[in-house]
N, C-alpha and C. Protein backbone atom coordinates (compact mmCIF):
# COMPACT_ATOMS: atom_id res chain seq x y z
N UNK A 1 -0.50 34.68 30.76
CA UNK A 1 -1.30 34.04 30.75
C UNK A 1 -1.09 32.37 31.04
N UNK A 2 -1.68 31.40 31.18
CA UNK A 2 -1.20 30.47 31.60
C UNK A 2 -1.18 29.41 30.05
N UNK A 3 -0.69 28.48 29.34
CA UNK A 3 -0.90 28.02 28.18
C UNK A 3 -1.49 26.04 28.46
N UNK A 4 -1.85 26.37 29.78
CA UNK A 4 -2.61 24.82 29.85
C UNK A 4 -3.59 24.45 29.26
N UNK A 5 -4.39 25.31 28.29
CA UNK A 5 -5.20 24.79 27.88
C UNK A 5 -4.71 24.73 25.79
N UNK A 6 -3.61 25.33 25.72
CA UNK A 6 -3.15 25.32 24.33
C UNK A 6 -3.68 24.21 23.74
N UNK A 7 -3.46 22.86 24.04
CA UNK A 7 -3.78 21.80 23.35
C UNK A 7 -5.33 21.03 23.89
N UNK A 8 -6.09 22.00 24.27
CA UNK A 8 -7.65 21.58 24.39
C UNK A 8 -8.60 21.22 23.04
N UNK A 9 -9.07 20.40 22.97
CA UNK A 9 -9.50 20.52 21.59
C UNK A 9 -10.17 21.70 21.21
N UNK A 10 -10.62 21.89 19.82
CA UNK A 10 -11.15 23.13 19.18
C UNK A 10 -12.94 22.97 19.24
N UNK A 11 -13.62 23.64 20.51
CA UNK A 11 -15.19 23.70 19.82
C UNK A 11 -15.67 24.46 18.72
N UNK A 12 -16.69 24.37 18.21
CA UNK A 12 -17.48 24.82 17.32
C UNK A 12 -17.20 26.32 17.21
N UNK A 13 -17.52 26.98 18.63
CA UNK A 13 -17.02 28.50 18.30
C UNK A 13 -15.54 28.69 17.94
N UNK A 14 -14.93 27.98 18.54
CA UNK A 14 -13.20 28.33 18.04
C UNK A 14 -13.01 28.04 16.63
N UNK A 15 -13.41 27.56 16.36
CA UNK A 15 -13.61 26.57 14.89
C UNK A 15 -14.08 27.99 13.93
N UNK A 16 -15.33 28.27 14.58
CA UNK A 16 -16.01 29.36 13.80
C UNK A 16 -15.31 30.77 13.87
N UNK A 17 -14.86 31.45 14.77
CA UNK A 17 -13.88 32.12 14.81
C UNK A 17 -12.70 32.34 14.06
N UNK A 18 -11.68 30.81 13.75
CA UNK A 18 -10.71 31.07 13.23
C UNK A 18 -10.97 31.11 11.97
N UNK A 19 -12.46 30.34 11.34
CA UNK A 19 -13.00 30.54 9.93
C UNK A 19 -12.75 31.94 9.41
N UNK A 20 -13.88 32.46 10.50
CA UNK A 20 -14.06 34.14 9.93
C UNK A 20 -12.84 34.65 9.95
N UNK A 21 -11.87 34.30 10.52
CA UNK A 21 -11.03 35.49 10.45
C UNK A 21 -9.66 35.07 9.01
N UNK A 22 -10.05 33.41 8.64
CA UNK A 22 -9.54 33.27 7.75
C UNK A 22 -10.26 33.72 6.30
N UNK A 23 -11.46 33.94 6.63
CA UNK A 23 -12.46 34.52 5.25
C UNK A 23 -12.10 35.80 5.42
N UNK A 24 -11.93 36.54 6.05
CA UNK A 24 -11.16 37.99 6.44
C UNK A 24 -9.86 38.65 5.72
N UNK A 25 -9.37 37.22 6.02
CA UNK A 25 -7.65 37.66 5.09
C UNK A 25 -8.15 37.30 3.71
N UNK A 26 -8.66 36.33 3.20
CA UNK A 26 -8.99 36.07 1.81
C UNK A 26 -9.80 36.97 1.46
N UNK A 27 -10.76 37.70 1.93
CA UNK A 27 -11.23 39.10 1.51
C UNK A 27 -10.27 39.59 1.53
N UNK A 28 -9.37 40.45 2.13
CA UNK A 28 -8.51 41.34 1.85
C UNK A 28 -7.94 41.20 0.87
N UNK A 29 -6.84 39.54 0.48
CA UNK A 29 -6.04 39.08 -0.35
C UNK A 29 -7.06 39.55 -2.05
N UNK A 30 -7.83 39.45 -1.85
CA UNK A 30 -9.04 39.52 -3.35
C UNK A 30 -8.74 41.06 -3.33
N UNK A 31 -9.15 41.74 -2.43
CA UNK A 31 -8.94 43.39 -2.58
C UNK A 31 -7.62 43.99 -3.18
N UNK A 32 -6.68 43.49 -2.37
CA UNK A 32 -4.83 43.33 -2.91
C UNK A 32 -4.88 43.02 -3.98
N UNK A 33 -5.63 41.65 -4.61
CA UNK A 33 -5.39 41.79 -5.97
C UNK A 33 -5.78 42.38 -7.01
N UNK A 34 -7.22 42.82 -6.50
CA UNK A 34 -7.23 43.79 -7.89
C UNK A 34 -6.93 45.11 -7.59
N UNK A 35 -6.74 45.53 -6.63
CA UNK A 35 -6.04 47.05 -6.53
C UNK A 35 -4.72 46.54 -7.14
N UNK A 36 -3.91 46.11 -6.93
CA UNK A 36 -2.66 45.61 -7.60
C UNK A 36 -2.05 45.24 -8.74
N UNK A 37 -3.62 44.80 -9.78
CA UNK A 37 -3.48 43.67 -10.73
C UNK A 37 -2.37 43.80 -11.64
N UNK A 38 -1.91 45.21 -12.14
CA UNK A 38 -1.51 45.39 -12.89
C UNK A 38 -0.03 46.09 -12.68
N UNK A 39 0.03 46.02 -11.21
CA UNK A 39 1.43 46.84 -10.62
C UNK A 39 2.54 45.92 -10.95
N UNK A 40 3.46 46.16 -11.67
CA UNK A 40 4.94 44.95 -11.92
C UNK A 40 5.62 44.50 -10.27
N UNK A 41 5.05 44.84 -9.35
CA UNK A 41 5.52 44.76 -8.20
C UNK A 41 4.25 43.75 -6.96
N UNK A 42 3.63 43.80 -8.26
CA UNK A 42 2.18 43.41 -7.61
C UNK A 42 1.86 42.00 -6.26
N UNK A 43 3.18 41.05 -6.32
CA UNK A 43 3.19 40.49 -5.43
C UNK A 43 3.65 40.64 -4.31
N UNK A 44 4.78 41.27 -4.16
CA UNK A 44 5.72 42.04 -3.46
C UNK A 44 4.85 43.16 -2.71
N UNK A 45 3.55 43.80 -3.41
CA UNK A 45 2.82 45.01 -3.18
C UNK A 45 1.86 44.56 -2.07
N UNK A 46 1.54 43.01 -2.60
CA UNK A 46 0.37 42.29 -1.40
C UNK A 46 1.46 41.98 -0.15
N UNK A 47 2.14 41.24 -0.53
CA UNK A 47 2.86 40.61 0.57
C UNK A 47 3.02 41.58 1.65
N UNK A 48 3.55 42.86 1.27
CA UNK A 48 3.74 43.91 2.62
C UNK A 48 2.08 44.06 3.28
N UNK A 49 1.51 44.13 2.44
CA UNK A 49 -0.19 45.00 3.00
C UNK A 49 -0.87 43.89 4.07
N UNK A 50 -0.18 41.84 3.41
CA UNK A 50 -0.92 41.28 4.28
C UNK A 50 0.17 40.88 5.54
N UNK A 51 1.50 41.26 5.43
CA UNK A 51 1.86 41.19 6.67
C UNK A 51 2.94 39.59 6.36
N UNK A 52 3.21 39.38 5.20
CA UNK A 52 3.90 37.79 4.72
C UNK A 52 5.25 38.73 4.19
N UNK A 53 6.42 38.31 5.74
CA UNK A 53 7.59 38.69 5.19
C UNK A 53 8.49 37.47 4.83
N UNK A 54 9.82 37.86 4.21
CA UNK A 54 10.68 37.17 3.59
C UNK A 54 9.73 36.30 2.58
N UNK A 55 8.53 37.19 1.85
CA UNK A 55 7.82 36.66 0.69
C UNK A 55 8.75 36.36 -0.40
N UNK A 56 9.41 36.99 -0.63
CA UNK A 56 9.82 36.84 -2.07
C UNK A 56 10.99 35.75 -2.25
N UNK A 57 11.77 35.92 -0.91
CA UNK A 57 12.81 34.71 -0.98
C UNK A 57 12.30 33.32 -0.78
N UNK A 58 11.22 33.26 0.25
CA UNK A 58 10.34 32.13 0.39
C UNK A 58 9.74 31.52 -1.17
N UNK A 59 9.56 32.58 -1.70
CA UNK A 59 8.40 32.34 -2.99
C UNK A 59 9.68 31.49 -4.15
N UNK A 60 10.86 31.77 -3.96
CA UNK A 60 12.06 31.63 -4.95
C UNK A 60 12.23 30.01 -4.45
N UNK A 61 11.91 29.87 -3.26
CA UNK A 61 12.40 28.31 -2.78
C UNK A 61 10.78 27.51 -3.06
N UNK A 62 10.11 27.94 -2.42
CA UNK A 62 8.85 27.27 -2.84
C UNK A 62 8.38 26.48 -4.28
N UNK A 63 9.06 27.62 -4.96
CA UNK A 63 8.64 27.22 -6.48
C UNK A 63 9.73 26.04 -6.89
N UNK A 64 11.01 26.14 -6.31
CA UNK A 64 11.90 25.25 -6.88
C UNK A 64 11.22 23.88 -6.20
N UNK A 65 11.00 23.97 -4.92
CA UNK A 65 10.31 22.44 -4.32
C UNK A 65 9.14 22.45 -4.99
N UNK A 66 8.44 22.97 -5.37
CA UNK A 66 7.03 22.84 -6.33
C UNK A 66 7.35 22.02 -7.42
N UNK A 67 8.71 22.74 -8.28
CA UNK A 67 8.31 21.81 -9.73
C UNK A 67 8.75 20.62 -9.55
N UNK A 68 9.87 20.14 -8.33
CA UNK A 68 10.77 19.10 -7.66
C UNK A 68 9.29 18.12 -7.89
N UNK A 69 8.57 18.22 -6.88
CA UNK A 69 7.68 17.64 -6.39
C UNK A 69 6.61 17.18 -7.67
N UNK A 70 6.48 18.13 -8.30
CA UNK A 70 5.76 18.21 -9.30
C UNK A 70 5.94 17.14 -10.40
N UNK A 71 6.99 16.84 -10.62
CA UNK A 71 7.68 15.98 -11.43
C UNK A 71 7.87 14.88 -11.02
N UNK A 72 8.14 14.79 -9.23
CA UNK A 72 7.83 13.00 -8.74
C UNK A 72 6.17 12.72 -8.64
N UNK A 73 5.28 13.85 -8.59
CA UNK A 73 3.98 13.26 -8.53
C UNK A 73 3.52 12.65 -10.37
N UNK A 74 4.34 13.29 -11.06
CA UNK A 74 4.28 13.15 -12.83
C UNK A 74 4.76 11.60 -12.75
N UNK A 75 6.05 11.17 -12.09
CA UNK A 75 6.56 10.14 -12.61
C UNK A 75 5.58 8.71 -12.07
N UNK A 76 4.96 9.04 -10.29
CA UNK A 76 4.28 8.32 -9.41
C UNK A 76 2.64 7.89 -10.51
N UNK A 77 2.41 9.09 -10.99
CA UNK A 77 0.88 8.99 -11.99
C UNK A 77 1.44 7.84 -13.31
N UNK A 78 2.73 8.30 -13.92
CA UNK A 78 2.20 7.54 -14.99
C UNK A 78 3.26 5.88 -14.86
N UNK A 79 3.52 5.98 -13.19
CA UNK A 79 3.52 4.39 -12.83
C UNK A 79 2.08 3.74 -12.10
N UNK A 80 1.45 4.41 -11.75
CA UNK A 80 0.30 3.94 -11.18
C UNK A 80 -0.62 3.49 -12.72
N UNK A 81 -0.23 4.03 -13.76
CA UNK A 81 -1.34 4.10 -14.77
C UNK A 81 -2.72 4.32 -14.90
N UNK A 82 -3.63 3.46 -15.14
CA UNK A 82 -4.87 4.11 -15.16
C UNK A 82 -5.79 3.65 -13.75
N UNK A 83 -5.20 3.67 -12.58
CA UNK A 83 -5.51 3.38 -10.94
C UNK A 83 -6.85 4.04 -11.11
N UNK A 84 -8.14 4.15 -10.94
CA UNK A 84 -9.36 5.14 -10.50
C UNK A 84 -8.96 5.71 -9.42
N UNK A 85 -9.33 7.00 -9.98
CA UNK A 85 -9.21 8.34 -8.58
C UNK A 85 -10.01 7.45 -7.30
N UNK A 86 -9.94 7.42 -6.07
CA UNK A 86 -11.20 7.31 -4.79
C UNK A 86 -11.92 8.28 -5.17
N UNK A 87 -13.17 8.19 -4.55
CA UNK A 87 -14.08 9.03 -3.94
C UNK A 87 -13.61 9.85 -3.05
N UNK A 88 -14.09 10.90 -2.68
CA UNK A 88 -13.73 11.71 -1.50
C UNK A 88 -15.21 11.17 -0.42
N UNK A 89 -14.62 11.27 1.01
CA UNK A 89 -16.01 10.69 1.73
C UNK A 89 -16.99 11.26 1.54
N UNK A 90 -17.20 12.54 1.68
CA UNK A 90 -18.15 13.58 1.71
C UNK A 90 -19.13 12.88 0.45
N UNK A 91 -18.61 12.27 -0.39
CA UNK A 91 -19.27 12.09 -2.10
C UNK A 91 -20.28 10.86 -1.76
N UNK A 92 -19.76 10.18 -0.59
CA UNK A 92 -20.82 8.85 -0.35
C UNK A 92 -21.87 9.22 0.93
N UNK A 93 -21.97 10.22 1.59
CA UNK A 93 -22.84 10.77 2.29
C UNK A 93 -24.14 10.96 2.12
N UNK A 94 -24.55 10.38 2.62
CA UNK A 94 -26.34 10.84 1.99
C UNK A 94 -27.29 11.84 1.93
N UNK A 95 -26.74 12.92 3.31
CA UNK A 95 -26.99 14.20 3.53
C UNK A 95 -26.51 15.49 2.20
N UNK A 96 -24.82 14.96 1.80
CA UNK A 96 -24.46 15.43 0.66
C UNK A 96 -25.56 14.90 -0.52
N UNK A 97 -25.06 13.58 -1.01
CA UNK A 97 -25.89 13.58 -1.91
C UNK A 97 -27.40 13.92 -2.36
N UNK A 98 -28.02 14.50 -1.07
CA UNK A 98 -29.20 14.70 -1.30
C UNK A 98 -29.07 16.15 -1.57
N UNK A 99 -27.78 17.09 -1.03
CA UNK A 99 -28.04 18.67 -1.40
C UNK A 99 -27.77 18.63 -2.92
N UNK A 100 -26.89 17.84 -3.08
CA UNK A 100 -26.54 17.62 -4.76
C UNK A 100 -27.40 17.60 -5.55
N UNK A 101 -28.45 16.63 -5.57
CA UNK A 101 -29.48 16.21 -5.69
C UNK A 101 -30.42 17.86 -6.08
N UNK A 102 -30.40 18.18 -4.78
CA UNK A 102 -31.41 19.41 -4.99
C UNK A 102 -30.77 20.48 -6.05
N UNK A 103 -29.77 20.48 -5.57
CA UNK A 103 -28.74 21.21 -6.75
C UNK A 103 -29.12 20.99 -8.16
N UNK A 104 -29.07 20.01 -8.55
CA UNK A 104 -29.69 19.21 -10.10
C UNK A 104 -31.25 19.99 -10.40
N UNK A 105 -31.97 19.73 -9.47
CA UNK A 105 -33.31 19.57 -9.59
C UNK A 105 -33.34 21.54 -9.71
N UNK A 106 -32.73 22.16 -8.93
CA UNK A 106 -32.42 23.59 -9.12
C UNK A 106 -32.47 23.91 -10.10
N UNK A 107 -31.59 23.67 -10.83
CA UNK A 107 -30.44 23.79 -12.15
C UNK A 107 -31.69 23.46 -12.97
N UNK A 108 -32.28 22.30 -13.18
CA UNK A 108 -33.16 22.16 -14.32
C UNK A 108 -34.09 22.78 -14.21
N UNK A 109 -34.54 23.24 -12.81
CA UNK A 109 -35.98 24.37 -12.95
C UNK A 109 -35.26 26.04 -13.72
N UNK A 110 -34.34 26.44 -13.24
CA UNK A 110 -33.92 27.92 -13.93
C UNK A 110 -33.65 27.26 -15.53
N UNK A 111 -33.50 26.42 -16.38
CA UNK A 111 -33.41 26.49 -17.15
C UNK A 111 -35.01 26.17 -18.05
N UNK A 112 -35.68 26.37 -17.27
CA UNK A 112 -37.03 26.00 -17.82
C UNK A 112 -37.66 27.76 -17.63
N UNK A 113 -37.32 28.34 -16.74
CA UNK A 113 -37.85 29.67 -16.56
C UNK A 113 -37.09 30.22 -17.43
N UNK A 114 -38.46 31.07 -17.61
CA UNK A 114 -37.97 32.67 -18.76
C UNK A 114 -37.28 33.48 -17.72
N UNK A 115 -36.21 34.33 -19.09
CA UNK A 115 -34.82 34.85 -18.65
C UNK A 115 -35.12 35.64 -17.19
N UNK A 116 -36.54 36.45 -17.24
CA UNK A 116 -37.04 37.76 -16.06
C UNK A 116 -37.23 37.19 -14.53
N UNK A 117 -37.76 35.70 -14.49
CA UNK A 117 -37.73 34.97 -13.41
C UNK A 117 -36.22 34.00 -13.12
N UNK A 118 -35.84 33.81 -14.27
CA UNK A 118 -34.26 33.28 -13.87
C UNK A 118 -33.10 34.14 -13.41
N UNK A 119 -33.27 35.12 -13.84
CA UNK A 119 -32.81 36.72 -13.29
C UNK A 119 -32.92 37.49 -11.91
N UNK A 120 -34.21 36.90 -11.91
CA UNK A 120 -34.83 37.70 -10.39
C UNK A 120 -33.99 37.52 -9.24
N UNK A 121 -33.78 38.75 -8.24
CA UNK A 121 -32.71 38.49 -7.35
C UNK A 121 -32.71 37.62 -6.33
N UNK A 122 -34.06 37.37 -5.91
CA UNK A 122 -34.34 36.31 -5.01
C UNK A 122 -34.03 34.85 -5.55
N UNK A 123 -34.11 34.87 -6.99
CA UNK A 123 -33.64 33.30 -7.34
C UNK A 123 -32.06 32.77 -7.77
N UNK A 124 -31.42 34.36 -8.10
CA UNK A 124 -29.99 34.57 -8.21
C UNK A 124 -29.51 34.09 -6.28
N UNK A 125 -30.07 34.34 -5.26
CA UNK A 125 -29.79 34.31 -4.01
C UNK A 125 -30.15 32.62 -3.87
N UNK A 126 -31.13 32.47 -4.34
CA UNK A 126 -31.26 31.24 -3.92
C UNK A 126 -30.19 29.57 -4.53
N UNK A 127 -29.89 30.18 -5.74
CA UNK A 127 -28.97 29.12 -6.03
C UNK A 127 -27.73 29.22 -5.70
N UNK A 128 -27.12 30.54 -5.50
CA UNK A 128 -26.19 30.62 -4.84
C UNK A 128 -26.19 30.36 -3.77
N UNK A 129 -27.21 30.11 -2.71
CA UNK A 129 -27.20 30.27 -0.97
C UNK A 129 -27.30 28.56 -0.84
N UNK A 130 -27.47 27.44 -1.87
CA UNK A 130 -27.80 26.29 -1.94
C UNK A 130 -26.59 25.53 -2.13
N UNK A 131 -26.18 26.15 -3.41
CA UNK A 131 -24.61 25.66 -3.80
C UNK A 131 -23.97 25.91 -2.73
N UNK A 132 -23.54 27.05 -1.81
CA UNK A 132 -22.88 27.68 -0.65
C UNK A 132 -23.16 26.32 0.22
N UNK A 133 -24.42 26.09 0.77
CA UNK A 133 -24.58 25.14 1.58
C UNK A 133 -24.02 23.70 1.39
N UNK A 134 -24.16 23.52 0.02
CA UNK A 134 -23.84 22.25 -0.70
C UNK A 134 -22.31 22.16 -0.37
N UNK A 135 -21.54 23.45 -0.63
CA UNK A 135 -19.78 23.05 -0.52
C UNK A 135 -19.60 23.05 1.09
N UNK A 136 -20.28 23.79 2.04
CA UNK A 136 -20.10 23.50 3.07
C UNK A 136 -20.46 22.10 4.09
N UNK A 137 -21.48 21.57 3.52
CA UNK A 137 -21.12 20.28 3.56
C UNK A 137 -20.61 19.33 3.36
N UNK A 138 -20.02 19.63 2.41
CA UNK A 138 -18.51 18.59 2.03
C UNK A 138 -17.42 18.77 2.75
N UNK A 139 -17.31 19.90 2.97
CA UNK A 139 -16.18 20.39 4.19
C UNK A 139 -16.22 19.50 5.30
N UNK A 140 -17.99 19.62 6.03
CA UNK A 140 -18.57 19.08 7.42
C UNK A 140 -18.53 17.18 7.40
N UNK A 141 -18.86 16.87 5.97
CA UNK A 141 -18.90 15.63 6.60
C UNK A 141 -17.96 14.86 5.71
N UNK A 142 -16.39 15.53 5.18
CA UNK A 142 -15.60 14.51 4.61
C UNK A 142 -14.73 13.90 5.87
N UNK A 143 -14.75 14.25 6.79
CA UNK A 143 -14.70 13.44 8.05
C UNK A 143 -14.88 12.39 9.40
N UNK A 144 -15.41 11.31 8.10
CA UNK A 144 -15.70 10.12 9.09
C UNK A 144 -15.68 9.46 10.21
N UNK A 145 -14.35 9.92 10.93
CA UNK A 145 -13.85 9.67 11.99
C UNK A 145 -13.77 10.98 12.59
N UNK A 146 -14.44 11.79 12.46
CA UNK A 146 -14.51 13.01 13.50
C UNK A 146 -13.61 13.43 13.94
N UNK A 147 -12.31 13.62 13.58
CA UNK A 147 -10.85 14.05 14.35
C UNK A 147 -11.26 15.10 14.96
N UNK A 148 -11.77 16.44 13.72
CA UNK A 148 -11.86 17.97 14.38
C UNK A 148 -13.45 18.10 14.17
N UNK A 149 -13.82 17.68 15.44
CA UNK A 149 -15.82 17.63 15.25
C UNK A 149 -15.89 18.88 15.46
N UNK A 150 -15.28 19.77 15.81
CA UNK A 150 -15.36 21.19 16.20
C UNK A 150 -15.84 22.10 14.79
N UNK A 151 -14.64 21.49 13.89
CA UNK A 151 -14.72 21.79 12.63
C UNK A 151 -15.82 21.41 11.97
N UNK A 152 -16.31 20.18 12.17
CA UNK A 152 -17.45 19.23 10.84
C UNK A 152 -18.83 20.54 11.45
N UNK A 153 -18.79 20.87 13.04
CA UNK A 153 -20.55 21.67 13.41
C UNK A 153 -20.04 22.55 12.77
N UNK A 154 -19.18 23.14 13.07
CA UNK A 154 -18.98 24.95 12.20
C UNK A 154 -19.20 24.77 10.96
N UNK A 155 -19.02 23.75 10.15
CA UNK A 155 -19.19 23.86 8.51
C UNK A 155 -20.35 23.52 8.42
N UNK A 156 -21.31 22.61 9.55
CA UNK A 156 -22.85 22.42 9.59
C UNK A 156 -23.73 23.50 9.74
N UNK A 157 -23.04 24.07 10.68
CA UNK A 157 -23.51 25.76 10.90
C UNK A 157 -23.94 26.69 9.72
N UNK A 158 -22.54 26.58 9.31
CA UNK A 158 -22.71 27.37 7.87
C UNK A 158 -23.69 26.93 6.87
N UNK A 159 -23.76 25.90 6.83
CA UNK A 159 -24.86 25.32 5.70
C UNK A 159 -25.81 25.23 6.15
N UNK A 160 -26.22 25.67 7.51
CA UNK A 160 -27.53 25.95 8.12
C UNK A 160 -27.95 27.31 7.72
N UNK A 161 -27.16 28.14 7.60
CA UNK A 161 -27.18 29.76 7.66
C UNK A 161 -27.23 29.86 6.11
N UNK A 162 -26.75 29.12 4.91
CA UNK A 162 -27.25 29.12 3.94
C UNK A 162 -28.47 29.03 3.22
N UNK A 163 -29.10 27.88 4.11
CA UNK A 163 -30.28 27.05 3.69
C UNK A 163 -31.37 27.81 4.32
N UNK A 164 -31.01 28.85 5.37
CA UNK A 164 -32.23 29.75 6.04
C UNK A 164 -32.18 30.72 5.36
N UNK A 165 -31.28 30.91 4.57
CA UNK A 165 -30.81 32.69 3.52
C UNK A 165 -32.11 31.67 2.32
N UNK A 166 -31.62 30.73 2.19
CA UNK A 166 -32.68 29.93 0.75
C UNK A 166 -34.17 30.19 1.08
N UNK A 167 -34.35 29.80 2.41
CA UNK A 167 -35.74 29.31 2.86
C UNK A 167 -36.15 31.31 2.37
N UNK A 168 -35.53 32.47 2.94
CA UNK A 168 -36.13 33.69 2.83
C UNK A 168 -36.25 33.88 1.16
N UNK A 169 -35.10 33.20 0.70
CA UNK A 169 -35.78 33.33 -0.86
C UNK A 169 -36.50 33.33 -1.73
N UNK A 170 -36.80 31.86 -1.11
CA UNK A 170 -38.15 30.70 -1.40
C UNK A 170 -39.67 32.22 -1.34
N UNK A 171 -39.04 32.45 -0.31
CA UNK A 171 -40.60 33.30 0.31
C UNK A 171 -40.77 34.22 -0.48
N UNK A 172 -39.61 35.03 -0.93
CA UNK A 172 -39.66 36.11 -1.79
C UNK A 172 -40.60 35.75 -3.33
N UNK A 173 -39.71 34.71 -3.78
CA UNK A 173 -40.07 34.24 -5.11
C UNK A 173 -41.34 34.11 -5.05
N UNK A 174 -42.37 33.68 -3.89
CA UNK A 174 -43.46 33.29 -3.76
C UNK A 174 -44.10 34.74 -3.52
N UNK A 175 -44.06 35.69 -3.13
CA UNK A 175 -44.92 36.93 -2.58
C UNK A 175 -44.17 38.01 -4.14
N UNK A 176 -43.60 37.62 -4.80
CA UNK A 176 -43.50 38.30 -5.72
C UNK A 176 -44.05 37.63 -7.20
N UNK A 177 -44.39 36.53 -6.98
CA UNK A 177 -45.27 35.44 -8.15
C UNK A 177 -43.89 35.22 -9.46
N UNK A 178 -43.04 35.43 -8.79
CA UNK A 178 -41.64 34.61 -9.98
C UNK A 178 -41.97 32.99 -10.32
N UNK A 179 -42.56 32.38 -9.70
CA UNK A 179 -43.09 30.84 -9.67
C UNK A 179 -44.72 30.64 -8.81
N UNK A 180 -44.89 29.59 -9.93
CA UNK A 180 -45.52 29.39 -9.52
C UNK A 180 -46.02 28.88 -7.51
N UNK A 181 -47.09 28.54 -7.10
CA UNK A 181 -47.50 28.18 -5.82
C UNK A 181 -46.68 26.36 -5.60
N UNK A 182 -47.15 26.18 -6.47
CA UNK A 182 -46.79 24.76 -6.71
C UNK A 182 -44.98 24.43 -6.38
N UNK A 183 -44.78 25.43 -7.21
CA UNK A 183 -43.16 25.31 -7.42
C UNK A 183 -42.29 25.81 -6.02
N UNK A 184 -42.98 26.75 -5.80
CA UNK A 184 -42.51 27.54 -4.22
C UNK A 184 -42.60 26.33 -3.38
N UNK A 185 -43.63 25.79 -3.14
CA UNK A 185 -43.94 24.72 -2.28
C UNK A 185 -42.68 23.27 -2.61
N UNK A 186 -42.56 22.98 -3.72
CA UNK A 186 -41.51 22.18 -3.85
C UNK A 186 -40.46 22.64 -3.41
N UNK A 187 -39.83 23.86 -3.90
CA UNK A 187 -38.61 24.55 -3.57
C UNK A 187 -38.30 24.27 -1.73
N UNK A 188 -39.65 25.04 -1.09
CA UNK A 188 -39.62 25.09 0.15
C UNK A 188 -39.19 23.42 1.27
N UNK A 189 -39.99 22.85 0.45
CA UNK A 189 -40.31 21.34 1.08
C UNK A 189 -38.82 20.38 0.69
N UNK A 190 -37.83 20.81 -0.26
CA UNK A 190 -36.43 20.67 -0.74
C UNK A 190 -35.64 20.98 0.34
N UNK A 191 -35.58 22.47 0.65
CA UNK A 191 -34.94 23.57 1.66
C UNK A 191 -34.53 22.83 2.82
N UNK A 192 -36.15 22.23 3.05
CA UNK A 192 -36.81 22.13 4.55
C UNK A 192 -36.14 20.69 4.79
N UNK A 193 -36.26 19.96 4.02
CA UNK A 193 -35.59 18.39 4.02
C UNK A 193 -34.66 18.30 4.41
N UNK A 194 -33.12 18.84 3.53
CA UNK A 194 -32.01 19.17 3.97
C UNK A 194 -31.54 19.61 5.28
N UNK A 195 -32.63 21.13 5.39
CA UNK A 195 -32.46 21.49 6.77
C UNK A 195 -32.39 20.53 8.31
N UNK A 196 -33.49 19.66 8.01
CA UNK A 196 -33.65 19.74 9.35
C UNK A 196 -32.41 18.29 9.44
N UNK A 197 -32.32 17.73 8.21
CA UNK A 197 -31.03 16.58 8.28
C UNK A 197 -29.89 17.09 9.23
N UNK A 198 -30.01 18.48 8.64
CA UNK A 198 -28.43 19.18 9.39
C UNK A 198 -28.68 19.61 10.77
N UNK A 199 -29.96 19.85 10.82
CA UNK A 199 -29.92 20.13 11.95
C UNK A 199 -30.18 19.29 13.34
N UNK A 200 -30.50 17.78 12.62
CA UNK A 200 -30.28 16.45 13.15
C UNK A 200 -29.15 16.22 13.52
N UNK A 201 -28.30 16.36 12.69
CA UNK A 201 -26.75 15.85 12.92
C UNK A 201 -25.90 16.63 13.63
N UNK A 202 -26.13 17.80 13.34
CA UNK A 202 -25.71 18.73 14.34
C UNK A 202 -25.40 18.91 15.66
N UNK A 203 -26.92 18.31 16.26
CA UNK A 203 -27.14 17.38 17.25
C UNK A 203 -26.63 16.65 17.66
N UNK A 204 -26.48 15.42 17.11
CA UNK A 204 -25.44 14.17 17.22
C UNK A 204 -23.97 14.61 17.05
N UNK A 205 -23.46 15.27 16.41
CA UNK A 205 -22.11 15.47 16.56
C UNK A 205 -22.07 16.49 18.05
N UNK A 206 -22.89 17.41 18.14
CA UNK A 206 -22.35 18.24 19.61
C UNK A 206 -22.55 16.82 20.94
N UNK A 207 -23.27 16.13 20.75
CA UNK A 207 -23.38 14.95 21.79
C UNK A 207 -22.44 14.37 22.12
N UNK A 208 -22.02 14.13 20.67
CA UNK A 208 -20.37 12.92 20.71
C UNK A 208 -19.11 13.70 21.26
N UNK A 209 -19.26 15.35 20.67
CA UNK A 209 -17.96 16.53 21.59
C UNK A 209 -18.37 16.42 22.51
N UNK A 210 -19.35 16.34 23.60
CA UNK A 210 -19.34 16.24 25.06
C UNK A 210 -19.02 14.69 25.70
N UNK A 211 -19.50 13.86 24.45
CA UNK A 211 -19.18 12.56 25.07
C UNK A 211 -17.48 12.22 25.30
N UNK A 212 -16.80 13.06 24.14
CA UNK A 212 -15.57 12.92 24.22
C UNK A 212 -14.84 14.00 25.31
N UNK A 213 -14.92 15.40 25.23
CA UNK A 213 -14.64 16.22 26.26
C UNK A 213 -14.72 17.00 27.23
N UNK A 214 -16.40 16.37 27.44
CA UNK A 214 -17.14 16.44 28.42
C UNK A 214 -17.74 18.16 28.33
N UNK A 215 -18.71 19.29 28.99
CA UNK A 215 -18.92 20.51 28.46
C UNK A 215 -17.55 21.72 28.67
N UNK A 216 -16.40 20.85 28.59
CA UNK A 216 -15.25 22.10 28.24
C UNK A 216 -15.03 23.00 26.81
């Protein structure tokens, strides 16, 4: 098969496949870690089942390199003194800030709820998925130059999926009378506002991808 398209930019679908593969490998690693947690050759056993060759030799070399680099970074930090850390790019993005603010509102609501409502499965799903959406937005919005715009879109779609799941959870909260109608509406409005902004930005990014690369 020809490699003529090997250098083509990755679109959102190629990035999605890549992210799925990485998540599957991460899940496999966590399962193996739990399985061999107390095994004396834990790392070697995990490496064998993960298909990581020469892991023992590479690990020793990596640790030496890491120790040396760590010392250099400590020296650099001491020389720089109290220079403030620069914020991540996504932290300045209005959409991320809106999602983060909604997370804060949800935390405040949870603090006010009685234990039975706080621990309801739908409430747990809502809190988990809103947090997940915010994390995916951080990944999607940290590249202001959109150098890997296909990746940005793939992460936006994942944030959107998490918010769609959140909306389902809000519906369940209302159906089971976990919270009052006013709270349900406030939660629904908050999720919808972020969701609609994601849809808008996803459309803009797709248009930019087509402008740069055509429909390929």
